[in-house]
């Protein structure tokens, strides 16, 4: 059969369940919530993504301006090694954010499981 192209994600909910169990056992849910850990990690990845996307966009604009000045025939845009690395990093950040969202859902479920 033909190769299927689809994205898969894997998350191990054992960590989330274990964390929920330990927090319940030690009665630390309120203190854990006060850390705002999920929000701060998500905000960090989003801000890093935005910075990288802005610098990538700026580099693309500079490259287009150089191409206009040279007045050559329209050639496909060739990305520098640095730009390619930045694009891969953006994809990596997207994957991390997705995995982190899955961890948040698993942890949320474990809280319900260990609720009084």
PDB file of N, CA and C in Angstrom:
ATOM      1  N   UNK A   1       0.837  -1.192   0.000  1.00  0.00           N
ATOM      2  CA  UNK A   1       0.000   0.000   0.000  1.00  0.00           C
ATOM      3  C   UNK A   1       0.873   1.243   0.000  1.00  0.00           C
ATOM      4  N   UNK A   2       0.287   2.351  -0.426  1.00  0.00           N
ATOM      5  CA  UNK A   2       1.021   3.607  -0.501  1.00  0.00           C
ATOM      6  C   UNK A   2       1.362   4.142   0.881  1.00  0.00           C
ATOM      7  N   UNK A   3       2.385   4.957   0.924  1.00  0.00           N
ATOM      8  CA  UNK A   3       2.789   5.564   2.190  1.00  0.00           C
ATOM      9  C   UNK A   3       1.773   6.633   2.581  1.00  0.00           C
ATOM     10  N   UNK A   4       1.398   6.597   3.831  1.00  0.00           N
ATOM     11  CA  UNK A   4       0.448   7.598   4.321  1.00  0.00           C
ATOM     12  C   UNK A   4       1.230   8.704   5.015  1.00  0.00           C
ATOM     13  N   UNK A   5       0.821   9.930   4.757  1.00  0.00           N
ATOM     14  CA  UNK A   5       1.490  11.078   5.336  1.00  0.00           C
ATOM     15  C   UNK A   5       0.572  11.701   6.380  1.00  0.00           C
ATOM     16  N   UNK A   6       0.843  11.434   7.640  1.00  0.00           N
ATOM     17  CA  UNK A   6       0.050  12.051   8.695  1.00  0.00           C
ATOM     18  C   UNK A   6       0.933  12.282   9.908  1.00  0.00           C
ATOM     19  N   UNK A   7       0.554  13.270  10.688  1.00  0.00           N
ATOM     20  CA  UNK A   7       1.338  13.623  11.872  1.00  0.00           C
ATOM     21  C   UNK A   7       0.885  12.787  13.058  1.00  0.00           C
ATOM     22  N   UNK A   8       1.823  12.404  13.848  1.00  0.00           N
ATOM     23  CA  UNK A   8       1.504  11.672  15.067  1.00  0.00           C
ATOM     24  C   UNK A   8       2.183  12.357  16.234  1.00  0.00           C
ATOM     25  N   UNK A   9       1.588  12.218  17.378  1.00  0.00           N
ATOM     26  CA  UNK A   9       2.168  12.751  18.595  1.00  0.00           C
ATOM     27  C   UNK A   9       2.135  11.670  19.653  1.00  0.00           C
ATOM     28  N   UNK A  10       3.101  11.711  20.498  1.00  0.00           N
ATOM     29  CA  UNK A  10       3.159  10.725  21.557  1.00  0.00           C
ATOM     30  C   UNK A  10       3.380  11.465  22.858  1.00  0.00           C
ATOM     31  N   UNK A  11       2.578  11.191  23.819  1.00  0.00           N
ATOM     32  CA  UNK A  11       2.789  11.755  25.139  1.00  0.00           C
ATOM     33  C   UNK A  11       2.639  10.649  26.158  1.00  0.00           C
ATOM     34  N   UNK A  12       3.490  10.670  27.125  1.00  0.00           N
ATOM     35  CA  UNK A  12       3.451   9.671  28.174  1.00  0.00           C
ATOM     36  C   UNK A  12       2.705  10.268  29.348  1.00  0.00           C
ATOM     37  N   UNK A  13       1.502   9.798  29.593  1.00  0.00           N
ATOM     38  CA  UNK A  13       0.706  10.376  30.674  1.00  0.00           C
ATOM     39  C   UNK A  13       1.110   9.828  32.034  1.00  0.00           C
ATOM     40  N   UNK A  14       2.058   8.913  32.095  1.00  0.00           N
ATOM     41  CA  UNK A  14       2.547   8.412  33.370  1.00  0.00           C
ATOM     42  C   UNK A  14       3.157   9.515  34.210  1.00  0.00           C
ATOM     43  N   UNK A  15       3.861  10.425  33.569  1.00  0.00           N
ATOM     44  CA  UNK A  15       4.441  11.551  34.294  1.00  0.00           C
ATOM     45  C   UNK A  15       3.338  12.426  34.888  1.00  0.00           C
ATOM     46  N   UNK A  16       2.328  12.727  34.080  1.00  0.00           N
ATOM     47  CA  UNK A  16       1.237  13.588  34.544  1.00  0.00           C
ATOM     48  C   UNK A  16       0.469  12.925  35.693  1.00  0.00           C
ATOM     49  N   UNK A  17       0.216  11.640  35.580  1.00  0.00           N
ATOM     50  CA  UNK A  17      -0.501  10.926  36.643  1.00  0.00           C
ATOM     51  C   UNK A  17       0.360  10.856  37.897  1.00  0.00           C
ATOM     52  N   UNK A  18       1.652  10.581  37.729  1.00  0.00           N
ATOM     53  CA  UNK A  18       2.552  10.542  38.883  1.00  0.00           C
ATOM     54  C   UNK A  18       2.650  11.886  39.577  1.00  0.00           C
ATOM     55  N   UNK A  19       2.734  12.945  38.790  1.00  0.00           N
ATOM     56  CA  UNK A  19       2.790  14.289  39.355  1.00  0.00           C
ATOM     57  C   UNK A  19       1.501  14.603  40.108  1.00  0.00           C
ATOM     58  N   UNK A  20       0.366  14.263  39.513  1.00  0.00           N
ATOM     59  CA  UNK A  20      -0.918  14.477  40.188  1.00  0.00           C
ATOM     60  C   UNK A  20      -1.008  13.695  41.488  1.00  0.00           C
ATOM     61  N   UNK A  21      -0.522  12.468  41.473  1.00  0.00           N
ATOM     62  CA  UNK A  21      -0.553  11.624  42.670  1.00  0.00           C
ATOM     63  C   UNK A  21       0.312  12.224  43.779  1.00  0.00           C
ATOM     64  N   UNK A  22       1.522  12.639  43.438  1.00  0.00           N
ATOM     65  CA  UNK A  22       2.423  13.203  44.447  1.00  0.00           C
ATOM     66  C   UNK A  22       1.868  14.510  45.002  1.00  0.00           C
ATOM     67  N   UNK A  23       1.336  15.350  44.118  1.00  0.00           N
ATOM     68  CA  UNK A  23       0.759  16.612  44.594  1.00  0.00           C
ATOM     69  C   UNK A  23      -0.438  16.373  45.503  1.00  0.00           C
ATOM     70  N   UNK A  24      -1.247  15.374  45.197  1.00  0.00           N
ATOM     71  CA  UNK A  24      -2.389  15.035  46.048  1.00  0.00           C
ATOM     72  C   UNK A  24      -1.902  14.467  47.378  1.00  0.00           C
ATOM     73  N   UNK A  25      -0.940  13.580  47.326  1.00  0.00           N
ATOM     74  CA  UNK A  25      -0.401  12.943  48.519  1.00  0.00           C
ATOM     75  C   UNK A  25       0.187  13.978  49.478  1.00  0.00           C
ATOM     76  N   UNK A  26       0.871  14.976  48.918  1.00  0.00           N
ATOM     77  CA  UNK A  26       1.500  16.008  49.741  1.00  0.00           C
ATOM     78  C   UNK A  26       0.624  17.245  49.932  1.00  0.00           C
ATOM     79  N   UNK A  27      -0.590  17.195  49.393  1.00  0.00           N
ATOM     80  CA  UNK A  27      -1.544  18.307  49.478  1.00  0.00           C
ATOM     81  C   UNK A  27      -0.904  19.606  48.965  1.00  0.00           C
ATOM     82  N   UNK A  28      -0.369  19.553  47.747  1.00  0.00           N
ATOM     83  CA  UNK A  28       0.359  20.679  47.180  1.00  0.00           C
ATOM     84  C   UNK A  28      -0.275  21.250  45.908  1.00  0.00           C
ATOM     85  N   UNK A  29      -1.525  20.908  45.615  1.00  0.00           N
ATOM     86  CA  UNK A  29      -2.144  21.406  44.392  1.00  0.00           C
ATOM     87  C   UNK A  29      -2.218  22.936  44.356  1.00  0.00           C
ATOM     88  N   UNK A  30      -2.579  23.542  45.477  1.00  0.00           N
ATOM     89  CA  UNK A  30      -2.702  25.007  45.517  1.00  0.00           C
ATOM     90  C   UNK A  30      -1.342  25.658  45.285  1.00  0.00           C
ATOM     91  N   UNK A  31      -0.317  25.131  45.927  1.00  0.00           N
ATOM     92  CA  UNK A  31       1.020  25.695  45.755  1.00  0.00           C
ATOM     93  C   UNK A  31       1.520  25.487  44.314  1.00  0.00           C
ATOM     94  N   UNK A  32       1.225  24.327  43.747  1.00  0.00           N
ATOM     95  CA  UNK A  32       1.618  24.081  42.352  1.00  0.00           C
ATOM     96  C   UNK A  32       0.897  25.050  41.417  1.00  0.00           C
ATOM     97  N   UNK A  33      -0.383  25.268  41.656  1.00  0.00           N
ATOM     98  CA  UNK A  33      -1.141  26.208  40.819  1.00  0.00           C
ATOM     99  C   UNK A  33      -0.584  27.620  40.924  1.00  0.00           C
ATOM    100  N   UNK A  34      -0.070  27.985  42.103  1.00  0.00           N
ATOM    101  CA  UNK A  34       0.458  29.342  42.284  1.00  0.00           C
ATOM    102  C   UNK A  34       1.723  29.583  41.464  1.00  0.00           C
ATOM    103  N   UNK A  35       2.372  28.512  41.025  1.00  0.00           N
ATOM    104  CA  UNK A  35       3.555  28.658  40.174  1.00  0.00           C
ATOM    105  C   UNK A  35       3.207  29.117  38.762  1.00  0.00           C
ATOM    106  N   UNK A  36       1.986  28.829  38.312  1.00  0.00           N
ATOM    107  CA  UNK A  36       1.542  29.124  36.940  1.00  0.00           C
ATOM    108  C   UNK A  36       2.532  28.539  35.932  1.00  0.00           C
ATOM    109  N   UNK A  37       2.943  27.318  36.195  1.00  0.00           N
ATOM    110  CA  UNK A  37       3.979  26.672  35.399  1.00  0.00           C
ATOM    111  C   UNK A  37       3.553  26.469  33.950  1.00  0.00           C
ATOM    112  N   UNK A  38       2.343  25.958  33.742  1.00  0.00           N
ATOM    113  CA  UNK A  38       1.888  25.716  32.368  1.00  0.00           C
ATOM    114  C   UNK A  38       1.813  27.013  31.580  1.00  0.00           C
ATOM    115  N   UNK A  39       1.307  28.061  32.202  1.00  0.00           N
ATOM    116  CA  UNK A  39       1.179  29.341  31.514  1.00  0.00           C
ATOM    117  C   UNK A  39       2.547  29.940  31.190  1.00  0.00           C
ATOM    118  N   UNK A  40       3.470  29.858  32.148  1.00  0.00           N
ATOM    119  CA  UNK A  40       4.780  30.474  31.912  1.00  0.00           C
ATOM    120  C   UNK A  40       5.572  29.744  30.837  1.00  0.00           C
ATOM    121  N   UNK A  41       5.504  28.423  30.812  1.00  0.00           N
ATOM    122  CA  UNK A  41       6.220  27.673  29.770  1.00  0.00           C
ATOM    123  C   UNK A  41       5.602  27.961  28.406  1.00  0.00           C
ATOM    124  N   UNK A  42       4.271  27.966  28.338  1.00  0.00           N
ATOM    125  CA  UNK A  42       3.593  28.258  27.071  1.00  0.00           C
ATOM    126  C   UNK A  42       3.949  29.664  26.588  1.00  0.00           C
ATOM    127  N   UNK A  43       3.901  30.632  27.493  1.00  0.00           N
ATOM    128  CA  UNK A  43       4.237  32.014  27.115  1.00  0.00           C
ATOM    129  C   UNK A  43       5.684  32.129  26.658  1.00  0.00           C
ATOM    130  N   UNK A  44       6.565  31.388  27.293  1.00  0.00           N
ATOM    131  CA  UNK A  44       7.981  31.426  26.906  1.00  0.00           C
ATOM    132  C   UNK A  44       8.175  30.919  25.477  1.00  0.00           C
ATOM    133  N   UNK A  45       7.569  29.765  25.165  1.00  0.00           N
ATOM    134  CA  UNK A  45       7.702  29.225  23.818  1.00  0.00           C
ATOM    135  C   UNK A  45       7.068  30.150  22.782  1.00  0.00           C
ATOM    136  N   UNK A  46       5.931  30.728  23.112  1.00  0.00           N
ATOM    137  CA  UNK A  46       5.263  31.638  22.175  1.00  0.00           C
ATOM    138  C   UNK A  46       6.118  32.877  21.926  1.00  0.00           C
ATOM    139  N   UNK A  47       6.688  33.449  22.985  1.00  0.00           N
ATOM    140  CA  UNK A  47       7.517  34.646  22.797  1.00  0.00           C
ATOM    141  C   UNK A  47       8.781  34.327  22.001  1.00  0.00           C
ATOM    142  N   UNK A  48       9.389  33.167  22.254  1.00  0.00           N
ATOM    143  CA  UNK A  48      10.572  32.770  21.478  1.00  0.00           C
ATOM    144  C   UNK A  48      10.217  32.559  20.003  1.00  0.00           C
ATOM    145  N   UNK A  49       9.035  31.955  19.787  1.00  0.00           N
ATOM    146  CA  UNK A  49       8.569  31.745  18.414  1.00  0.00           C
ATOM    147  C   UNK A  49       8.361  33.075  17.697  1.00  0.00           C
ATOM    148  N   UNK A  50       7.745  34.030  18.382  1.00  0.00           N
ATOM    149  CA  UNK A  50       7.484  35.334  17.779  1.00  0.00           C
ATOM    150  C   UNK A  50       8.772  36.068  17.436  1.00  0.00           C
ATOM    151  N   UNK A  51       9.751  36.024  18.335  1.00  0.00           N
ATOM    152  CA  UNK A  51      11.043  36.676  18.067  1.00  0.00           C
ATOM    153  C   UNK A  51      11.710  36.057  16.839  1.00  0.00           C
ATOM    154  N   UNK A  52      11.702  34.743  16.799  1.00  0.00           N
ATOM    155  CA  UNK A  52      12.336  34.045  15.685  1.00  0.00           C
ATOM    156  C   UNK A  52      11.610  34.315  14.372  1.00  0.00           C
ATOM    157  N   UNK A  53      10.280  34.331  14.425  1.00  0.00           N
ATOM    158  CA  UNK A  53       9.494  34.597  13.215  1.00  0.00           C
ATOM    159  C   UNK A  53       9.741  36.016  12.708  1.00  0.00           C
ATOM    160  N   UNK A  54       9.860  36.971  13.619  1.00  0.00           N
ATOM    161  CA  UNK A  54      10.132  38.353  13.211  1.00  0.00           C
ATOM    162  C   UNK A  54      11.499  38.480  12.552  1.00  0.00           C
ATOM    163  N   UNK A  55      12.502  37.846  13.135  1.00  0.00           N
ATOM    164  CA  UNK A  55      13.843  37.940  12.538  1.00  0.00           C
ATOM    165  C   UNK A  55      13.880  37.223  11.190  1.00  0.00           C
ATOM    166  N   UNK A  56      13.157  36.131  11.071  1.00  0.00           N
ATOM    167  CA  UNK A  56      13.088  35.405   9.805  1.00  0.00           C
ATOM    168  C   UNK A  56      12.384  36.245   8.740  1.00  0.00           C
ATOM    169  N   UNK A  57      11.299  36.903   9.138  1.00  0.00           N
ATOM    170  CA  UNK A  57      10.559  37.764   8.213  1.00  0.00           C
ATOM    171  C   UNK A  57      11.437  38.935   7.753  1.00  0.00           C
ATOM    172  N   UNK A  58      12.173  39.505   8.675  1.00  0.00           N
ATOM    173  CA  UNK A  58      13.064  40.616   8.343  1.00  0.00           C
ATOM    174  C   UNK A  58      14.137  40.166   7.348  1.00  0.00           C
ATOM    175  N   UNK A  59      14.692  38.992   7.563  1.00  0.00           N
ATOM    176  CA  UNK A  59      15.719  38.469   6.652  1.00  0.00           C
ATOM    177  C   UNK A  59      15.141  38.204   5.266  1.00  0.00           C
ATOM    178  N   UNK A  60      13.897  37.711   5.208  1.00  0.00           N
ATOM    179  CA  UNK A  60      13.255  37.469   3.915  1.00  0.00           C
ATOM    180  C   UNK A  60      13.035  38.777   3.162  1.00  0.00           C
ATOM    181  N   UNK A  61      12.602  39.813   3.875  1.00  0.00           N
ATOM    182  CA  UNK A  61      12.388  41.115   3.239  1.00  0.00           C
ATOM    183  C   UNK A  61      13.696  41.686   2.698  1.00  0.00           C
ATOM    184  N   UNK A  62      14.768  41.562   3.473  1.00  0.00           N
ATOM    185  CA  UNK A  62      16.076  42.047   3.017  1.00  0.00           C
ATOM    186  C   UNK A  62      16.528  41.297   1.770  1.00  0.00           C
ATOM    187  N   UNK A  63      16.272  40.010   1.750  1.00  0.00           N
ATOM    188  CA  UNK A  63      16.654  39.201   0.593  1.00  0.00           C
ATOM    189  C   UNK A  63      15.846  39.604  -0.640  1.00  0.00           C
ATOM    190  N   UNK A  64      14.561  39.890  -0.464  1.00  0.00           N
ATOM    191  CA  UNK A  64      13.729  40.327  -1.577  1.00  0.00           C
ATOM    192  C   UNK A  64      14.185  41.680  -2.103  1.00  0.00           C
ATOM    193  N   UNK A  65      14.584  42.574  -1.208  1.00  0.00           N
ATOM    194  CA  UNK A  65      15.067  43.888  -1.638  1.00  0.00           C
ATOM    195  C   UNK A  65      16.358  43.758  -2.439  1.00  0.00           C
ATOM    196  N   UNK A  66      17.236  42.875  -2.005  1.00  0.00           N
ATOM    197  CA  UNK A  66      18.476  42.654  -2.748  1.00  0.00           C
ATOM    198  C   UNK A  66      18.176  42.107  -4.136  1.00  0.00           C
ATOM    199  N   UNK A  67      17.184  41.235  -4.201  1.00  0.00           N
ATOM    200  CA  UNK A  67      16.815  40.634  -5.484  1.00  0.00           C
ATOM    201  C   UNK A  67      16.235  41.694  -6.420  1.00  0.00           C
ATOM    202  N   UNK A  68      15.457  42.642  -5.887  1.00  0.00           N
ATOM    203  CA  UNK A  68      14.901  43.705  -6.713  1.00  0.00           C
ATOM    204  C   UNK A  68      15.994  44.617  -7.250  1.00  0.00           C
ATOM    205  N   UNK A  69      16.994  44.884  -6.411  1.00  0.00           N
ATOM    206  CA  UNK A  69      18.087  45.758  -6.825  1.00  0.00           C
ATOM    207  C   UNK A  69      18.908  45.137  -7.943  1.00  0.00           C
ATOM    208  N   UNK A  70      19.077  43.842  -7.902  1.00  0.00           N
ATOM    209  CA  UNK A  70      19.893  43.183  -8.927  1.00  0.00           C
ATOM    210  C   UNK A  70      19.147  43.090 -10.258  1.00  0.00           C
ATOM    211  N   UNK A  71      17.839  43.219 -10.250  1.00  0.00           N
ATOM    212  CA  UNK A  71      16.983  43.209 -11.443  1.00  0.00           C
ATOM    213  C   UNK A  71      17.188  41.971 -12.316  1.00  0.00           C
ATOM    214  N   UNK A  72      17.492  40.901 -11.696  1.00  0.00           N
ATOM    215  CA  UNK A  72      17.611  39.646 -12.437  1.00  0.00           C
ATOM    216  C   UNK A  72      16.228  39.048 -12.599  1.00  0.00           C
ATOM    217  N   UNK A  73      16.174  38.038 -13.457  1.00  0.00           N
ATOM    218  CA  UNK A  73      14.901  37.333 -13.592  1.00  0.00           C
ATOM    219  C   UNK A  73      14.490  36.779 -12.245  1.00  0.00           C
ATOM    220  N   UNK A  74      13.205  36.703 -12.092  1.00  0.00           N
ATOM    221  CA  UNK A  74      12.667  36.206 -10.818  1.00  0.00           C
ATOM    222  C   UNK A  74      13.142  34.774 -10.591  1.00  0.00           C
ATOM    223  N   UNK A  75      13.941  34.605  -9.575  1.00  0.00           N
ATOM    224  CA  UNK A  75      14.449  33.289  -9.223  1.00  0.00           C
ATOM    225  C   UNK A  75      13.803  32.852  -7.914  1.00  0.00           C
ATOM    226  N   UNK A  76      13.702  31.548  -7.708  1.00  0.00           N
ATOM    227  CA  UNK A  76      13.155  31.097  -6.436  1.00  0.00           C
ATOM    228  C   UNK A  76      14.031  31.577  -5.281  1.00  0.00           C
ATOM    229  N   UNK A  77      13.379  31.891  -4.194  1.00  0.00           N
ATOM    230  CA  UNK A  77      14.101  32.393  -3.033  1.00  0.00           C
ATOM    231  C   UNK A  77      14.960  31.274  -2.459  1.00  0.00           C
ATOM    232  N   UNK A  78      16.207  31.558  -2.281  1.00  0.00           N
ATOM    233  CA  UNK A  78      17.114  30.590  -1.684  1.00  0.00           C
ATOM    234  C   UNK A  78      17.420  31.042  -0.262  1.00  0.00           C
ATOM    235  N   UNK A  79      17.190  30.144   0.662  1.00  0.00           N
ATOM    236  CA  UNK A  79      17.373  30.489   2.064  1.00  0.00           C
ATOM    237  C   UNK A  79      18.794  30.166   2.502  1.00  0.00           C
ATOM    238  N   UNK A  80      19.321  31.032   3.337  1.00  0.00           N
ATOM    239  CA  UNK A  80      20.644  30.783   3.891  1.00  0.00           C
ATOM    240  C   UNK A  80      20.549  29.655   4.917  1.00  0.00           C
ATOM    241  N   UNK A  81      21.689  29.172   5.304  1.00  0.00           N
ATOM    242  CA  UNK A  81      21.711  28.099   6.308  1.00  0.00           C
ATOM    243  C   UNK A  81      21.099  28.583   7.620  1.00  0.00           C
ATOM    244  N   UNK A  82      21.331  29.834   7.941  1.00  0.00           N
ATOM    245  CA  UNK A  82      20.775  30.419   9.169  1.00  0.00           C
ATOM    246  C   UNK A  82      19.244  30.484   9.097  1.00  0.00           C
ATOM    247  N   UNK A  83      18.716  30.860   7.940  1.00  0.00           N
ATOM    248  CA  UNK A  83      17.266  30.921   7.768  1.00  0.00           C
ATOM    249  C   UNK A  83      16.645  29.532   7.829  1.00  0.00           C
ATOM    250  N   UNK A  84      17.312  28.559   7.244  1.00  0.00           N
ATOM    251  CA  UNK A  84      16.809  27.185   7.297  1.00  0.00           C
ATOM    252  C   UNK A  84      16.787  26.677   8.734  1.00  0.00           C
ATOM    253  N   UNK A  85      17.816  27.006   9.493  1.00  0.00           N
ATOM    254  CA  UNK A  85      17.867  26.620  10.900  1.00  0.00           C
ATOM    255  C   UNK A  85      16.732  27.286  11.677  1.00  0.00           C
ATOM    256  N   UNK A  86      16.479  28.551  11.375  1.00  0.00           N
ATOM    257  CA  UNK A  86      15.397  29.277  12.055  1.00  0.00           C
ATOM    258  C   UNK A  86      14.031  28.652  11.736  1.00  0.00           C
ATOM    259  N   UNK A  87      13.835  28.241  10.486  1.00  0.00           N
ATOM    260  CA  UNK A  87      12.561  27.620  10.114  1.00  0.00           C
ATOM    261  C   UNK A  87      12.384  26.269  10.823  1.00  0.00           C
ATOM    262  N   UNK A  88      13.466  25.519  10.924  1.00  0.00           N
ATOM    263  CA  UNK A  88      13.398  24.245  11.641  1.00  0.00           C
ATOM    264  C   UNK A  88      13.130  24.464  13.132  1.00  0.00           C
ATOM    265  N   UNK A  89      13.722  25.501  13.680  1.00  0.00           N
ATOM    266  CA  UNK A  89      13.494  25.821  15.090  1.00  0.00           C
ATOM    267  C   UNK A  89      12.044  26.216  15.323  1.00  0.00           C
ATOM    268  N   UNK A  90      11.453  26.959  14.385  1.00  0.00           N
ATOM    269  CA  UNK A  90      10.034  27.309  14.503  1.00  0.00           C
ATOM    270  C   UNK A  90       9.161  26.060  14.521  1.00  0.00           C
ATOM    271  N   UNK A  91       9.475  25.104  13.664  1.00  0.00           N
ATOM    272  CA  UNK A  91       8.719  23.851  13.647  1.00  0.00           C
ATOM    273  C   UNK A  91       8.907  23.084  14.944  1.00  0.00           C
ATOM    274  N   UNK A  92      10.116  23.135  15.482  1.00  0.00           N
ATOM    275  CA  UNK A  92      10.396  22.456  16.750  1.00  0.00           C
ATOM    276  C   UNK A  92       9.581  23.088  17.875  1.00  0.00           C
ATOM    277  N   UNK A  93       9.505  24.416  17.899  1.00  0.00           N
ATOM    278  CA  UNK A  93       8.710  25.101  18.903  1.00  0.00           C
ATOM    279  C   UNK A  93       7.235  24.713  18.794  1.00  0.00           C
ATOM    280  N   UNK A  94       6.729  24.608  17.564  1.00  0.00           N
ATOM    281  CA  UNK A  94       5.346  24.174  17.374  1.00  0.00           C
ATOM    282  C   UNK A  94       5.125  22.776  17.947  1.00  0.00           C
ATOM    283  N   UNK A  95       6.074  21.885  17.706  1.00  0.00           N
ATOM    284  CA  UNK A  95       5.958  20.520  18.233  1.00  0.00           C
ATOM    285  C   UNK A  95       6.011  20.523  19.754  1.00  0.00           C
ATOM    286  N   UNK A  96       6.910  21.340  20.331  1.00  0.00           N
ATOM    287  CA  UNK A  96       6.993  21.425  21.790  1.00  0.00           C
ATOM    288  C   UNK A  96       5.699  21.960  22.389  1.00  0.00           C
ATOM    289  N   UNK A  97       5.147  22.985  21.763  1.00  0.00           N
ATOM    290  CA  UNK A  97       3.888  23.548  22.267  1.00  0.00           C
ATOM    291  C   UNK A  97       2.765  22.520  22.215  1.00  0.00           C
ATOM    292  N   UNK A  98       2.736  21.748  21.139  1.00  0.00           N
ATOM    293  CA  UNK A  98       1.700  20.716  21.009  1.00  0.00           C
ATOM    294  C   UNK A  98       1.877  19.639  22.082  1.00  0.00           C
ATOM    295  N   UNK A  99       3.084  19.172  22.284  1.00  0.00           N
ATOM    296  CA  UNK A  99       3.352  18.164  23.308  1.00  0.00           C
ATOM    297  C   UNK A  99       3.036  18.710  24.694  1.00  0.00           C
ATOM    298  N   UNK A 100       3.366  19.967  24.927  1.00  0.00           N
ATOM    299  CA  UNK A 100       3.100  20.566  26.222  1.00  0.00           C
ATOM    300  C   UNK A 100       1.603  20.693  26.474  1.00  0.00           C
ATOM    301  N   UNK A 101       0.854  20.984  25.425  1.00  0.00           N
ATOM    302  CA  UNK A 101      -0.600  21.041  25.541  1.00  0.00           C
ATOM    303  C   UNK A 101      -1.161  19.662  25.900  1.00  0.00           C
ATOM    304  N   UNK A 102      -0.616  18.622  25.297  1.00  0.00           N
ATOM    305  CA  UNK A 102      -1.044  17.265  25.628  1.00  0.00           C
ATOM    306  C   UNK A 102      -0.703  16.922  27.076  1.00  0.00           C
ATOM    307  N   UNK A 103       0.446  17.366  27.551  1.00  0.00           N
ATOM    308  CA  UNK A 103       0.816  17.154  28.950  1.00  0.00           C
ATOM    309  C   UNK A 103      -0.165  17.865  29.874  1.00  0.00           C
ATOM    310  N   UNK A 104      -0.546  19.073  29.497  1.00  0.00           N
ATOM    311  CA  UNK A 104      -1.503  19.823  30.317  1.00  0.00           C
ATOM    312  C   UNK A 104      -2.842  19.081  30.401  1.00  0.00           C
ATOM    313  N   UNK A 105      -3.296  18.536  29.280  1.00  0.00           N
ATOM    314  CA  UNK A 105      -4.549  17.776  29.285  1.00  0.00           C
ATOM    315  C   UNK A 105      -4.435  16.525  30.149  1.00  0.00           C
ATOM    316  N   UNK A 106      -3.319  15.830  30.051  1.00  0.00           N
ATOM    317  CA  UNK A 106      -3.119  14.629  30.858  1.00  0.00           C
ATOM    318  C   UNK A 106      -3.070  14.969  32.339  1.00  0.00           C
ATOM    319  N   UNK A 107      -2.394  16.052  32.671  1.00  0.00           N
ATOM    320  CA  UNK A 107      -2.314  16.467  34.064  1.00  0.00           C
ATOM    321  C   UNK A 107      -3.682  16.882  34.583  1.00  0.00           C
ATOM    322  N   UNK A 108      -4.435  17.562  33.746  1.00  0.00           N
ATOM    323  CA  UNK A 108      -5.791  17.963  34.119  1.00  0.00           C
ATOM    324  C   UNK A 108      -6.647  16.730  34.426  1.00  0.00           C
ATOM    325  N   UNK A 109      -6.514  15.706  33.611  1.00  0.00           N
ATOM    326  CA  UNK A 109      -7.236  14.460  33.847  1.00  0.00           C
ATOM    327  C   UNK A 109      -6.797  13.775  35.117  1.00  0.00           C
ATOM    328  N   UNK A 110      -5.492  13.833  35.407  1.00  0.00           N
ATOM    329  CA  UNK A 110      -5.018  13.199  36.631  1.00  0.00           C
ATOM    330  C   UNK A 110      -5.518  13.946  37.869  1.00  0.00           C
ATOM    331  N   UNK A 111      -5.688  15.249  37.752  1.00  0.00           N
ATOM    332  CA  UNK A 111      -6.239  16.021  38.890  1.00  0.00           C
ATOM    333  C   UNK A 111      -7.672  15.580  39.177  1.00  0.00           C
ATOM    334  N   UNK A 112      -8.420  15.351  38.115  1.00  0.00           N
ATOM    335  CA  UNK A 112      -9.798  14.899  38.300  1.00  0.00           C
ATOM    336  C   UNK A 112      -9.797  13.509  38.933  1.00  0.00           C
ATOM    337  N   UNK A 113      -8.871  12.670  38.498  1.00  0.00           N
ATOM    338  CA  UNK A 113      -8.776  11.314  39.020  1.00  0.00           C
ATOM    339  C   UNK A 113      -8.458  11.304  40.514  1.00  0.00           C
ATOM    340  N   UNK A 114      -7.602  12.217  40.965  1.00  0.00           N
ATOM    341  CA  UNK A 114      -7.206  12.249  42.372  1.00  0.00           C
ATOM    342  C   UNK A 114      -7.979  13.272  43.192  1.00  0.00           C
ATOM    343  N   UNK A 115      -9.051  13.788  42.632  1.00  0.00           N
ATOM    344  CA  UNK A 115      -9.855  14.771  43.361  1.00  0.00           C
ATOM    345  C   UNK A 115     -10.574  14.094  44.519  1.00  0.00           C
ATOM    346  N   UNK A 116     -10.776  14.848  45.589  1.00  0.00           N
ATOM    347  CA  UNK A 116     -11.488  14.303  46.762  1.00  0.00           C
ATOM    348  C   UNK A 116     -12.896  13.907  46.435  1.00  0.00           C
TER     349      UNK A 116
END
